[in-house]
């Protein structure tokens, strides 16, 4: 299974995901950002995706990352 050592901490639009990834990097946490795609739809729409981004962190950094993600997501929703 891919990413078995990683936990998804956020799914959202590109800009929000990048903000969260940047904030994690500022705290010396290395996030993995990947696009959540539906391969069937990708080909139908010419590969152009307005899809969601997933932010994952290594399980060793999860405890440190969660408060950062929670703070940012509450700011983004306000």
C-alpha atoms as a PDB file:
ATOM      1  CA  UNK A   1       0.000   0.000   0.000  1.00  0.00           C
ATOM      2  CA  UNK A   2       1.397   3.428  -0.869  1.00  0.00           C
ATOM      3  CA  UNK A   3       1.635   6.032   1.848  1.00  0.00           C
ATOM      4  CA  UNK A   4       1.198   3.530   4.704  1.00  0.00           C
ATOM      5  CA  UNK A   5       3.568   5.661   6.805  1.00  0.00           C
ATOM      6  CA  UNK A   6       1.637   8.839   6.003  1.00  0.00           C
ATOM      7  CA  UNK A   7      -1.663  10.241   7.207  1.00  0.00           C
ATOM      8  CA  UNK A   8      -3.872  12.632   5.267  1.00  0.00           C
ATOM      9  CA  UNK A   9      -4.324  15.805   7.312  1.00  0.00           C
ATOM     10  CA  UNK A  10      -6.120  17.989   4.774  1.00  0.00           C
ATOM     11  CA  UNK A  11      -8.068  17.820   1.518  1.00  0.00           C
ATOM     12  CA  UNK A  12      -9.081  21.008  -0.244  1.00  0.00           C
ATOM     13  CA  UNK A  13      -8.430  23.434  -3.054  1.00  0.00           C
ATOM     14  CA  UNK A  14      -4.923  24.052  -4.364  1.00  0.00           C
ATOM     15  CA  UNK A  15      -4.364  27.430  -2.682  1.00  0.00           C
ATOM     16  CA  UNK A  16      -5.480  26.258   0.760  1.00  0.00           C
ATOM     17  CA  UNK A  17      -3.439  23.069   0.487  1.00  0.00           C
ATOM     18  CA  UNK A  18      -0.344  25.072  -0.442  1.00  0.00           C
ATOM     19  CA  UNK A  19      -0.872  27.418   2.516  1.00  0.00           C
ATOM     20  CA  UNK A  20      -1.050  24.450   4.847  1.00  0.00           C
ATOM     21  CA  UNK A  21       1.990  22.790   3.260  1.00  0.00           C
ATOM     22  CA  UNK A  22       3.981  26.028   3.595  1.00  0.00           C
ATOM     23  CA  UNK A  23       2.996  26.396   7.256  1.00  0.00           C
ATOM     24  CA  UNK A  24       4.062  22.812   7.946  1.00  0.00           C
ATOM     25  CA  UNK A  25       7.398  23.355   6.199  1.00  0.00           C
ATOM     26  CA  UNK A  26       7.972  26.450   8.338  1.00  0.00           C
ATOM     27  CA  UNK A  27       7.768  24.132  11.367  1.00  0.00           C
ATOM     28  CA  UNK A  28      10.254  21.659   9.827  1.00  0.00           C
ATOM     29  CA  UNK A  29       7.518  19.200   8.899  1.00  0.00           C
ATOM     30  CA  UNK A  30       7.848  17.761   5.406  1.00  0.00           C
ATOM     31  CA  UNK A  31       4.373  17.436   3.856  1.00  0.00           C
ATOM     32  CA  UNK A  32       3.465  15.420   0.786  1.00  0.00           C
ATOM     33  CA  UNK A  33       0.974  17.205  -1.456  1.00  0.00           C
ATOM     34  CA  UNK A  34      -0.796  15.162  -4.069  1.00  0.00           C
ATOM     35  CA  UNK A  35      -3.680  15.804  -6.375  1.00  0.00           C
ATOM     36  CA  UNK A  36      -6.796  13.786  -5.741  1.00  0.00           C
ATOM     37  CA  UNK A  37      -8.002  12.777  -9.176  1.00  0.00           C
ATOM     38  CA  UNK A  38     -10.608  10.552 -10.664  1.00  0.00           C
ATOM     39  CA  UNK A  39      -8.726   9.053 -13.581  1.00  0.00           C
ATOM     40  CA  UNK A  40     -11.928   8.442 -15.513  1.00  0.00           C
ATOM     41  CA  UNK A  41     -12.911  12.096 -15.368  1.00  0.00           C
ATOM     42  CA  UNK A  42      -9.407  13.372 -16.047  1.00  0.00           C
ATOM     43  CA  UNK A  43      -9.362  11.907 -19.536  1.00  0.00           C
ATOM     44  CA  UNK A  44     -12.905  13.103 -20.283  1.00  0.00           C
ATOM     45  CA  UNK A  45     -11.982  16.690 -19.542  1.00  0.00           C
ATOM     46  CA  UNK A  46      -8.698  16.764 -21.407  1.00  0.00           C
ATOM     47  CA  UNK A  47      -6.535  16.223 -18.340  1.00  0.00           C
ATOM     48  CA  UNK A  48      -7.341  19.672 -16.961  1.00  0.00           C
ATOM     49  CA  UNK A  49      -8.097  19.361 -13.301  1.00  0.00           C
ATOM     50  CA  UNK A  50      -9.612  21.707 -10.819  1.00  0.00           C
ATOM     51  CA  UNK A  51      -9.318  18.791  -8.448  1.00  0.00           C
ATOM     52  CA  UNK A  52      -8.672  18.714  -4.784  1.00  0.00           C
ATOM     53  CA  UNK A  53      -5.259  18.522  -3.202  1.00  0.00           C
ATOM     54  CA  UNK A  54      -4.392  16.197  -0.346  1.00  0.00           C
ATOM     55  CA  UNK A  55      -1.780  17.082   2.252  1.00  0.00           C
ATOM     56  CA  UNK A  56      -0.162  14.126   3.996  1.00  0.00           C
ATOM     57  CA  UNK A  57       2.428  14.028   6.748  1.00  0.00           C
ATOM     58  CA  UNK A  58       4.622  11.237   8.001  1.00  0.00           C
ATOM     59  CA  UNK A  59       3.130   9.500  11.022  1.00  0.00           C
ATOM     60  CA  UNK A  60       6.179  10.505  13.087  1.00  0.00           C
ATOM     61  CA  UNK A  61       5.219  14.176  12.547  1.00  0.00           C
ATOM     62  CA  UNK A  62       1.453  13.798  12.832  1.00  0.00           C
ATOM     63  CA  UNK A  63       1.145  14.936  16.447  1.00  0.00           C
ATOM     64  CA  UNK A  64       3.102  18.121  15.700  1.00  0.00           C
ATOM     65  CA  UNK A  65       1.251  18.757  12.416  1.00  0.00           C
ATOM     66  CA  UNK A  66      -2.366  18.407  13.532  1.00  0.00           C
ATOM     67  CA  UNK A  67      -2.592  21.615  15.634  1.00  0.00           C
ATOM     68  CA  UNK A  68      -1.058  23.611  12.755  1.00  0.00           C
ATOM     69  CA  UNK A  69      -3.546  22.183  10.269  1.00  0.00           C
ATOM     70  CA  UNK A  70      -6.469  22.719  12.656  1.00  0.00           C
ATOM     71  CA  UNK A  71      -5.530  26.367  13.223  1.00  0.00           C
ATOM     72  CA  UNK A  72      -5.193  27.072   9.518  1.00  0.00           C
ATOM     73  CA  UNK A  73      -8.373  25.292   8.510  1.00  0.00           C
ATOM     74  CA  UNK A  74     -10.365  27.255  11.085  1.00  0.00           C
ATOM     75  CA  UNK A  75      -8.861  30.486   9.661  1.00  0.00           C
ATOM     76  CA  UNK A  76      -9.674  29.414   6.097  1.00  0.00           C
ATOM     77  CA  UNK A  77     -13.277  28.638   7.012  1.00  0.00           C
ATOM     78  CA  UNK A  78     -13.804  31.969   8.813  1.00  0.00           C
END
